Amino acid sequence: MLALKRIVTVAVMIYLLLALLFILAPAVRSTVMGMGSGLSVIEQERQFFYTMFVIGAVILTLHLLTENLDSVMLRRAVSQNEGKINELKARLYDTQQRTTAPTIPGARTIDGRLTDPTFHPNATGNQTAEQPPRPTFPQSDPSLSNTPPADRPPLA
């Protein structure tokens, strides 16, 4: 696709250079128009500009199509890569959850969740089971602009 896009772009550039040459140099235009059949000068000029118009329309249509196809393919590739990244993040999160699961003596699992036998939600007081620290995404990375700065000594 990239090769086709480059070929069409080069064709557009050559067409534009030839069009500028024919517009700015009337001698070249009259020489090229004189190559036609035995028509009058006005008919030769009309036929020349009609041909230039058709060639320009075809080349610019090809250029538009290749640009749009390239854009669609790039967007599709980006969305596929984002899906792969999200899948890998989910796998990483799952493996971190499995490795950091707390071991509470006497704890039972209900639907894959650990429960503490000493925790009673209806009891009075502040009796809550201690929750293990869970990683959040994105984790703080000093290279990212949206993370808080690392603990640094104040500048003096």
N, C-alpha and C. Protein backbone atom coordinates (compact mmCIF):
# COMPACT_ATOMS: atom_id res chain seq x y z
N MET A 1 0.82 -1.19 0.00
CA MET A 1 0.00 0.00 0.00
C MET A 1 0.86 1.25 0.00
N LEU A 2 1.95 1.19 0.76
CA LEU A 2 2.84 2.35 0.84
C LEU A 2 3.47 2.64 -0.51
N ALA A 3 3.83 1.59 -1.25
CA ALA A 3 4.43 1.78 -2.57
C ALA A 3 3.43 2.43 -3.53
N LEU A 4 2.18 1.95 -3.51
CA LEU A 4 1.15 2.54 -4.37
C LEU A 4 0.92 4.01 -4.01
N LYS A 5 0.89 4.29 -2.72
CA LYS A 5 0.69 5.68 -2.27
C LYS A 5 1.83 6.57 -2.77
N ARG A 6 3.05 6.08 -2.70
CA ARG A 6 4.20 6.88 -3.17
C ARG A 6 4.16 7.07 -4.68
N ILE A 7 3.80 6.04 -5.41
CA ILE A 7 3.73 6.16 -6.87
C ILE A 7 2.69 7.20 -7.27
N VAL A 8 1.53 7.15 -6.65
CA VAL A 8 0.47 8.11 -6.97
C VAL A 8 0.89 9.52 -6.58
N THR A 9 1.57 9.68 -5.45
CA THR A 9 2.03 11.00 -5.04
C THR A 9 3.05 11.56 -6.03
N VAL A 10 3.94 10.72 -6.52
CA VAL A 10 4.91 11.18 -7.52
C VAL A 10 4.19 11.55 -8.81
N ALA A 11 3.18 10.78 -9.22
CA ALA A 11 2.41 11.10 -10.43
C ALA A 11 1.71 12.45 -10.29
N VAL A 12 1.17 12.72 -9.10
CA VAL A 12 0.50 14.00 -8.87
C VAL A 12 1.52 15.14 -8.98
N MET A 13 2.70 14.95 -8.41
CA MET A 13 3.72 16.00 -8.48
C MET A 13 4.17 16.25 -9.93
N ILE A 14 4.35 15.18 -10.70
CA ILE A 14 4.74 15.35 -12.11
C ILE A 14 3.64 16.05 -12.88
N TYR A 15 2.39 15.68 -12.63
CA TYR A 15 1.27 16.34 -13.31
C TYR A 15 1.24 17.84 -12.98
N LEU A 16 1.43 18.16 -11.70
CA LEU A 16 1.41 19.58 -11.33
C LEU A 16 2.55 20.35 -11.97
N LEU A 17 3.73 19.74 -12.05
CA LEU A 17 4.86 20.42 -12.72
C LEU A 17 4.58 20.62 -14.21
N LEU A 18 4.02 19.61 -14.86
CA LEU A 18 3.67 19.77 -16.28
C LEU A 18 2.59 20.83 -16.47
N ALA A 19 1.59 20.84 -15.59
CA ALA A 19 0.54 21.85 -15.70
C ALA A 19 1.12 23.26 -15.54
N LEU A 20 2.03 23.42 -14.57
CA LEU A 20 2.68 24.73 -14.42
C LEU A 20 3.51 25.09 -15.65
N LEU A 21 4.19 24.12 -16.22
CA LEU A 21 4.98 24.37 -17.42
C LEU A 21 4.07 24.83 -18.56
N PHE A 22 2.94 24.16 -18.76
CA PHE A 22 2.03 24.53 -19.84
C PHE A 22 1.37 25.89 -19.59
N ILE A 23 1.13 26.23 -18.33
CA ILE A 23 0.49 27.51 -18.03
C ILE A 23 1.48 28.66 -18.18
N LEU A 24 2.70 28.47 -17.68
CA LEU A 24 3.68 29.57 -17.65
C LEU A 24 4.50 29.70 -18.93
N ALA A 25 4.50 28.67 -19.77
CA ALA A 25 5.28 28.73 -21.02
C ALA A 25 4.34 28.46 -22.19
N PRO A 26 3.80 29.53 -22.80
CA PRO A 26 2.85 29.34 -23.92
C PRO A 26 3.49 28.66 -25.13
N ALA A 27 4.79 28.82 -25.33
CA ALA A 27 5.44 28.19 -26.48
C ALA A 27 5.40 26.66 -26.33
N VAL A 28 5.63 26.16 -25.13
CA VAL A 28 5.57 24.72 -24.89
C VAL A 28 4.15 24.22 -25.09
N ARG A 29 3.19 24.98 -24.60
CA ARG A 29 1.79 24.59 -24.74
C ARG A 29 1.39 24.53 -26.21
N SER A 30 1.77 25.52 -27.01
CA SER A 30 1.40 25.52 -28.43
C SER A 30 2.11 24.40 -29.19
N THR A 31 3.34 24.05 -28.77
CA THR A 31 4.05 22.95 -29.41
C THR A 31 3.35 21.63 -29.12
N VAL A 32 2.96 21.41 -27.88
CA VAL A 32 2.27 20.17 -27.52
C VAL A 32 0.89 20.13 -28.16
N MET A 33 0.20 21.25 -28.23
CA MET A 33 -1.11 21.28 -28.87
C MET A 33 -1.00 21.02 -30.37
N GLY A 34 0.11 21.42 -30.99
CA GLY A 34 0.30 21.22 -32.42
C GLY A 34 0.51 19.78 -32.81
N MET A 35 0.71 18.89 -31.85
CA MET A 35 0.92 17.48 -32.16
C MET A 35 -0.38 16.77 -32.49
N GLY A 36 -1.49 17.42 -32.29
CA GLY A 36 -2.79 16.79 -32.53
C GLY A 36 -3.10 16.68 -34.00
N SER A 37 -4.31 16.23 -34.30
CA SER A 37 -4.74 16.08 -35.69
C SER A 37 -4.99 17.44 -36.32
N GLY A 38 -5.36 17.44 -37.56
CA GLY A 38 -5.53 18.70 -38.31
C GLY A 38 -6.76 19.47 -37.91
N LEU A 39 -6.79 19.94 -36.65
CA LEU A 39 -7.90 20.76 -36.18
C LEU A 39 -7.49 22.22 -36.20
N SER A 40 -8.47 23.09 -36.02
CA SER A 40 -8.15 24.51 -35.94
C SER A 40 -7.44 24.78 -34.61
N VAL A 41 -6.84 25.94 -34.48
CA VAL A 41 -6.08 26.28 -33.28
C VAL A 41 -7.00 26.28 -32.05
N ILE A 42 -8.18 26.80 -32.19
CA ILE A 42 -9.12 26.85 -31.06
C ILE A 42 -9.53 25.44 -30.66
N GLU A 43 -9.80 24.57 -31.64
CA GLU A 43 -10.18 23.19 -31.33
C GLU A 43 -9.02 22.43 -30.70
N GLN A 44 -7.78 22.70 -31.17
CA GLN A 44 -6.61 22.05 -30.58
C GLN A 44 -6.45 22.47 -29.12
N GLU A 45 -6.65 23.76 -28.86
CA GLU A 45 -6.51 24.25 -27.48
C GLU A 45 -7.61 23.67 -26.58
N ARG A 46 -8.82 23.63 -27.10
CA ARG A 46 -9.92 23.06 -26.33
C ARG A 46 -9.65 21.58 -26.04
N GLN A 47 -9.23 20.84 -27.03
CA GLN A 47 -8.93 19.42 -26.85
C GLN A 47 -7.78 19.23 -25.87
N PHE A 48 -6.76 20.07 -25.92
CA PHE A 48 -5.61 19.99 -25.02
C PHE A 48 -6.04 20.19 -23.57
N PHE A 49 -6.81 21.24 -23.31
CA PHE A 49 -7.22 21.51 -21.94
C PHE A 49 -8.23 20.47 -21.42
N TYR A 50 -9.07 19.95 -22.31
CA TYR A 50 -9.98 18.89 -21.90
C TYR A 50 -9.19 17.64 -21.50
N THR A 51 -8.18 17.28 -22.26
CA THR A 51 -7.34 16.13 -21.94
C THR A 51 -6.60 16.36 -20.62
N MET A 52 -6.07 17.55 -20.42
CA MET A 52 -5.38 17.87 -19.17
C MET A 52 -6.34 17.77 -17.98
N PHE A 53 -7.59 18.22 -18.19
CA PHE A 53 -8.58 18.15 -17.12
C PHE A 53 -8.90 16.70 -16.77
N VAL A 54 -9.08 15.84 -17.76
CA VAL A 54 -9.41 14.43 -17.50
C VAL A 54 -8.25 13.74 -16.80
N ILE A 55 -7.02 13.97 -17.28
CA ILE A 55 -5.85 13.36 -16.65
C ILE A 55 -5.74 13.83 -15.19
N GLY A 56 -5.93 15.12 -14.96
CA GLY A 56 -5.86 15.66 -13.59
C GLY A 56 -6.93 15.08 -12.69
N ALA A 57 -8.14 14.94 -13.19
CA ALA A 57 -9.22 14.38 -12.38
C ALA A 57 -8.93 12.93 -12.01
N VAL A 58 -8.42 12.15 -12.95
CA VAL A 58 -8.11 10.74 -12.67
C VAL A 58 -6.99 10.63 -11.64
N ILE A 59 -5.93 11.40 -11.83
CA ILE A 59 -4.79 11.33 -10.91
C ILE A 59 -5.18 11.79 -9.51
N LEU A 60 -5.93 12.87 -9.41
CA LEU A 60 -6.33 13.36 -8.09
C LEU A 60 -7.32 12.41 -7.41
N THR A 61 -8.17 11.74 -8.19
CA THR A 61 -9.06 10.73 -7.61
C THR A 61 -8.27 9.56 -7.06
N LEU A 62 -7.26 9.10 -7.82
CA LEU A 62 -6.39 8.04 -7.32
C LEU A 62 -5.67 8.46 -6.04
N HIS A 63 -5.22 9.70 -6.02
CA HIS A 63 -4.53 10.21 -4.84
C HIS A 63 -5.45 10.21 -3.62
N LEU A 64 -6.67 10.68 -3.81
CA LEU A 64 -7.64 10.71 -2.72
C LEU A 64 -7.94 9.30 -2.21
N LEU A 65 -8.13 8.35 -3.12
CA LEU A 65 -8.43 6.97 -2.71
C LEU A 65 -7.26 6.35 -1.96
N THR A 66 -6.05 6.52 -2.44
CA THR A 66 -4.91 5.91 -1.76
C THR A 66 -4.68 6.53 -0.39
N GLU A 67 -4.86 7.83 -0.26
CA GLU A 67 -4.71 8.47 1.05
C GLU A 67 -5.75 7.96 2.03
N ASN A 68 -6.99 7.84 1.59
CA ASN A 68 -8.05 7.36 2.49
C ASN A 68 -7.85 5.89 2.86
N LEU A 69 -7.44 5.06 1.91
CA LEU A 69 -7.18 3.66 2.22
C LEU A 69 -6.03 3.52 3.21
N ASP A 70 -4.99 4.32 3.02
CA ASP A 70 -3.86 4.27 3.94
C ASP A 70 -4.29 4.71 5.34
N SER A 71 -5.11 5.73 5.41
CA SER A 71 -5.60 6.21 6.70
C SER A 71 -6.45 5.15 7.40
N VAL A 72 -7.31 4.49 6.65
CA VAL A 72 -8.17 3.43 7.23
C VAL A 72 -7.31 2.29 7.73
N MET A 73 -6.30 1.89 6.95
CA MET A 73 -5.44 0.79 7.37
C MET A 73 -4.64 1.15 8.61
N LEU A 74 -4.17 2.39 8.70
CA LEU A 74 -3.43 2.82 9.89
C LEU A 74 -4.32 2.84 11.12
N ARG A 75 -5.56 3.33 10.97
CA ARG A 75 -6.48 3.35 12.10
C ARG A 75 -6.81 1.93 12.56
N ARG A 76 -6.98 1.02 11.63
CA ARG A 76 -7.26 -0.38 11.98
C ARG A 76 -6.07 -0.99 12.72
N ALA A 77 -4.86 -0.71 12.26
CA ALA A 77 -3.67 -1.24 12.92
C ALA A 77 -3.53 -0.68 14.33
N VAL A 78 -3.83 0.61 14.50
CA VAL A 78 -3.75 1.22 15.83
C VAL A 78 -4.77 0.60 16.77
N SER A 79 -5.98 0.38 16.30
CA SER A 79 -7.01 -0.21 17.18
C SER A 79 -6.65 -1.66 17.53
N GLN A 80 -6.07 -2.40 16.58
CA GLN A 80 -5.65 -3.77 16.89
C GLN A 80 -4.53 -3.76 17.92
N ASN A 81 -3.58 -2.84 17.77
CA ASN A 81 -2.49 -2.76 18.74
C ASN A 81 -2.99 -2.34 20.11
N GLU A 82 -3.96 -1.42 20.17
CA GLU A 82 -4.53 -1.02 21.45
C GLU A 82 -5.24 -2.20 22.11
N GLY A 83 -5.93 -3.02 21.31
CA GLY A 83 -6.58 -4.21 21.85
C GLY A 83 -5.57 -5.20 22.43
N LYS A 84 -4.46 -5.38 21.72
CA LYS A 84 -3.41 -6.26 22.22
C LYS A 84 -2.81 -5.72 23.52
N ILE A 85 -2.61 -4.41 23.57
CA ILE A 85 -2.06 -3.80 24.79
C ILE A 85 -3.01 -3.99 25.96
N ASN A 86 -4.30 -3.77 25.73
CA ASN A 86 -5.28 -3.96 26.81
C ASN A 86 -5.34 -5.41 27.26
N GLU A 87 -5.23 -6.34 26.31
CA GLU A 87 -5.23 -7.76 26.68
C GLU A 87 -3.99 -8.10 27.52
N LEU A 88 -2.84 -7.57 27.13
CA LEU A 88 -1.63 -7.83 27.91
C LEU A 88 -1.70 -7.19 29.29
N LYS A 89 -2.30 -6.00 29.38
CA LYS A 89 -2.49 -5.37 30.69
C LYS A 89 -3.40 -6.22 31.58
N ALA A 90 -4.45 -6.75 30.97
CA ALA A 90 -5.38 -7.59 31.75
C ALA A 90 -4.67 -8.85 32.25
N ARG A 91 -3.86 -9.47 31.39
CA ARG A 91 -3.12 -10.65 31.82
C ARG A 91 -2.14 -10.31 32.94
N LEU A 92 -1.45 -9.18 32.80
CA LEU A 92 -0.51 -8.76 33.84
C LEU A 92 -1.24 -8.51 35.15
N TYR A 93 -2.38 -7.85 35.08
CA TYR A 93 -3.16 -7.57 36.27
C TYR A 93 -3.61 -8.87 36.93
N ASP A 94 -4.07 -9.83 36.09
CA ASP A 94 -4.51 -11.12 36.64
C ASP A 94 -3.36 -11.86 37.32
N THR A 95 -2.20 -11.86 36.71
CA THR A 95 -1.06 -12.55 37.33
C THR A 95 -0.62 -11.85 38.60
N GLN A 96 -0.69 -10.53 38.63
CA GLN A 96 -0.34 -9.81 39.85
C GLN A 96 -1.35 -10.08 40.94
N GLN A 97 -2.61 -10.22 40.59
CA GLN A 97 -3.64 -10.52 41.59
C GLN A 97 -3.43 -11.91 42.16
N ARG A 98 -3.02 -12.87 41.32
CA ARG A 98 -2.80 -14.23 41.80
C ARG A 98 -1.58 -14.31 42.70
N THR A 99 -0.53 -13.56 42.38
CA THR A 99 0.70 -13.66 43.15
C THR A 99 0.63 -12.87 44.45
N THR A 100 -0.21 -11.85 44.51
CA THR A 100 -0.30 -11.03 45.73
C THR A 100 -1.54 -11.34 46.55
N ALA A 101 -2.19 -12.47 46.30
CA ALA A 101 -3.39 -12.81 47.06
C ALA A 101 -3.00 -13.08 48.51
N PRO A 102 -3.71 -12.46 49.46
CA PRO A 102 -3.36 -12.63 50.87
C PRO A 102 -3.74 -14.03 51.37
N THR A 103 -2.98 -14.50 52.30
CA THR A 103 -3.30 -15.79 52.93
C THR A 103 -3.73 -15.51 54.35
N ILE A 104 -5.01 -15.55 54.57
CA ILE A 104 -5.58 -15.30 55.90
C ILE A 104 -5.92 -16.67 56.48
N PRO A 105 -5.44 -16.95 57.71
CA PRO A 105 -5.76 -18.26 58.28
C PRO A 105 -7.27 -18.41 58.45
N GLY A 106 -7.80 -19.51 58.00
CA GLY A 106 -9.23 -19.78 58.14
C GLY A 106 -10.07 -19.09 57.08
N ALA A 107 -9.44 -18.44 56.10
CA ALA A 107 -10.20 -17.73 55.07
C ALA A 107 -10.78 -18.73 54.08
N ARG A 108 -11.97 -18.40 53.58
CA ARG A 108 -12.62 -19.22 52.59
C ARG A 108 -12.81 -18.39 51.32
N THR A 109 -12.95 -19.06 50.23
CA THR A 109 -13.20 -18.33 48.99
C THR A 109 -14.66 -18.44 48.61
N ILE A 110 -15.21 -17.33 48.19
CA ILE A 110 -16.58 -17.28 47.69
C ILE A 110 -16.49 -16.61 46.33
N ASP A 111 -16.82 -17.34 45.30
CA ASP A 111 -16.75 -16.84 43.93
C ASP A 111 -15.36 -16.32 43.60
N GLY A 112 -14.32 -16.98 44.08
CA GLY A 112 -12.96 -16.57 43.77
C GLY A 112 -12.43 -15.44 44.64
N ARG A 113 -13.27 -14.93 45.58
CA ARG A 113 -12.82 -13.84 46.44
C ARG A 113 -12.52 -14.41 47.82
N LEU A 114 -11.50 -13.87 48.45
CA LEU A 114 -11.16 -14.31 49.80
C LEU A 114 -12.06 -13.63 50.82
N THR A 115 -12.49 -14.37 51.79
CA THR A 115 -13.29 -13.78 52.86
C THR A 115 -12.60 -14.04 54.18
N ASP A 116 -12.70 -13.10 55.07
CA ASP A 116 -12.09 -13.20 56.40
C ASP A 116 -13.18 -13.66 57.37
N PRO A 117 -12.95 -14.75 58.11
CA PRO A 117 -13.99 -15.23 59.02
C PRO A 117 -14.23 -14.27 60.19
N THR A 118 -13.29 -13.36 60.48
CA THR A 118 -13.49 -12.42 61.59
C THR A 118 -14.24 -11.18 61.16
N PHE A 119 -14.46 -11.00 59.90
CA PHE A 119 -15.13 -9.80 59.39
C PHE A 119 -16.63 -10.03 59.35
N HIS A 120 -17.35 -9.16 60.06
CA HIS A 120 -18.81 -9.22 60.07
C HIS A 120 -19.32 -7.84 59.67
N PRO A 121 -19.93 -7.72 58.49
CA PRO A 121 -20.37 -6.39 58.06
C PRO A 121 -21.48 -5.81 58.92
N ASN A 122 -22.26 -6.62 59.62
CA ASN A 122 -23.35 -6.11 60.44
C ASN A 122 -22.91 -5.77 61.85
N ALA A 123 -21.68 -6.14 62.21
CA ALA A 123 -21.21 -5.89 63.57
C ALA A 123 -20.91 -4.40 63.74
N THR A 124 -21.03 -3.94 64.98
CA THR A 124 -20.73 -2.54 65.27
C THR A 124 -19.23 -2.38 65.44
N GLY A 125 -18.79 -1.17 65.25
CA GLY A 125 -17.36 -0.91 65.41
C GLY A 125 -16.68 -0.91 64.05
N ASN A 126 -15.41 -0.80 64.09
CA ASN A 126 -14.64 -0.69 62.86
C ASN A 126 -13.88 -1.98 62.61
N GLN A 127 -14.55 -3.04 62.37
CA GLN A 127 -13.92 -4.34 62.15
C GLN A 127 -13.89 -4.63 60.65
N THR A 128 -12.84 -4.23 59.99
CA THR A 128 -12.71 -4.49 58.56
C THR A 128 -11.45 -5.29 58.34
N ALA A 129 -11.51 -6.16 57.40
CA ALA A 129 -10.33 -6.96 57.06
C ALA A 129 -9.34 -6.05 56.33
N GLU A 130 -8.09 -6.24 56.62
CA GLU A 130 -7.07 -5.41 55.99
C GLU A 130 -6.94 -5.82 54.52
N GLN A 131 -7.10 -4.86 53.64
CA GLN A 131 -7.03 -5.12 52.20
C GLN A 131 -5.59 -5.04 51.74
N PRO A 132 -5.14 -5.97 50.94
CA PRO A 132 -3.77 -5.91 50.44
C PRO A 132 -3.65 -4.79 49.41
N PRO A 133 -2.47 -4.24 49.25
CA PRO A 133 -2.31 -3.19 48.22
C PRO A 133 -2.47 -3.80 46.84
N ARG A 134 -3.22 -3.14 46.02
CA ARG A 134 -3.47 -3.63 44.67
C ARG A 134 -2.84 -2.66 43.68
N PRO A 135 -2.23 -3.19 42.64
CA PRO A 135 -1.63 -2.30 41.65
C PRO A 135 -2.71 -1.61 40.83
N THR A 136 -2.47 -0.40 40.50
CA THR A 136 -3.39 0.35 39.66
C THR A 136 -2.69 0.67 38.35
N PHE A 137 -3.46 0.80 37.31
CA PHE A 137 -2.91 1.10 36.00
C PHE A 137 -3.33 2.48 35.59
N PRO A 138 -2.49 3.31 35.03
CA PRO A 138 -1.07 3.08 34.83
C PRO A 138 -0.31 3.26 36.13
N GLN A 139 0.67 2.42 36.34
CA GLN A 139 1.49 2.55 37.52
C GLN A 139 2.37 3.79 37.36
N SER A 140 2.79 4.33 38.50
CA SER A 140 3.56 5.57 38.41
C SER A 140 4.87 5.29 37.68
N ASP A 141 5.10 6.07 36.67
CA ASP A 141 6.29 5.94 35.86
C ASP A 141 6.89 7.34 35.74
N PRO A 142 8.12 7.54 36.17
CA PRO A 142 8.68 8.90 36.13
C PRO A 142 8.83 9.44 34.72
N SER A 143 8.81 8.58 33.71
CA SER A 143 8.95 9.08 32.34
C SER A 143 7.64 9.63 31.79
N LEU A 144 6.52 9.37 32.46
CA LEU A 144 5.24 9.88 31.99
C LEU A 144 5.00 11.27 32.55
N SER A 145 4.34 12.09 31.75
CA SER A 145 4.13 13.48 32.18
C SER A 145 2.99 13.61 33.18
N ASN A 146 2.09 12.63 33.27
CA ASN A 146 0.94 12.77 34.16
C ASN A 146 1.16 12.15 35.53
N THR A 147 2.35 11.65 35.81
CA THR A 147 2.61 11.07 37.12
C THR A 147 3.23 12.12 38.03
N PRO A 148 2.99 12.02 39.34
CA PRO A 148 3.59 13.01 40.25
C PRO A 148 5.10 12.83 40.27
N PRO A 149 5.82 13.90 40.50
CA PRO A 149 7.27 13.81 40.50
C PRO A 149 7.76 12.93 41.65
N ALA A 150 8.89 12.31 41.46
CA ALA A 150 9.47 11.45 42.49
C ALA A 150 9.95 12.30 43.66
N ASP A 151 10.14 11.63 44.79
CA ASP A 151 10.63 12.36 45.98
C ASP A 151 12.05 12.85 45.69
N ARG A 152 12.15 14.15 45.58
CA ARG A 152 13.46 14.75 45.30
C ARG A 152 13.74 15.78 46.38
N PRO A 153 15.01 15.99 46.69
CA PRO A 153 15.31 17.03 47.66
C PRO A 153 14.97 18.40 47.07
N PRO A 154 14.49 19.30 47.93
CA PRO A 154 14.13 20.63 47.41
C PRO A 154 15.37 21.35 46.88
N LEU A 155 15.13 22.14 45.84
CA LEU A 155 16.22 22.93 45.28
C LEU A 155 16.53 24.12 46.18
N ALA A 156 17.80 24.37 46.40
CA ALA A 156 18.18 25.49 47.27
C ALA A 156 18.77 26.61 46.46
